[in-house]
Amino acid sequence: MTILKETVWIEDLTLASVIWRKFGKQPQGFIEKVIEANPGIAEQIFIPVGTEIIFPVEEMEPVSADKSVVRLWD
């Protein structure tokens, strides 16, 4: 498993917002896997500055490019 680490340097970030800033998406079930890799991280709403977060990146599912686009004014 490939591991990425990120240190939080901005105040008032939630785990979901850190994942979004790092990856630009939040695949289904990924936040739970990050919580499993980081015991105690879910005990607070906001992650303290200086906290190092481990991301199990091989656990991420690829985003499907099969989505249909609806254009309202075409």
Foldseek 3Di string as FASTA:
>chain_A
DDKDKDFAADWPDFLVNVCCVVPVDDAPPQSVVQCVVPPPSPVDGIGDGGDMTIGPVVPDDDDDPPDDDDDDPD
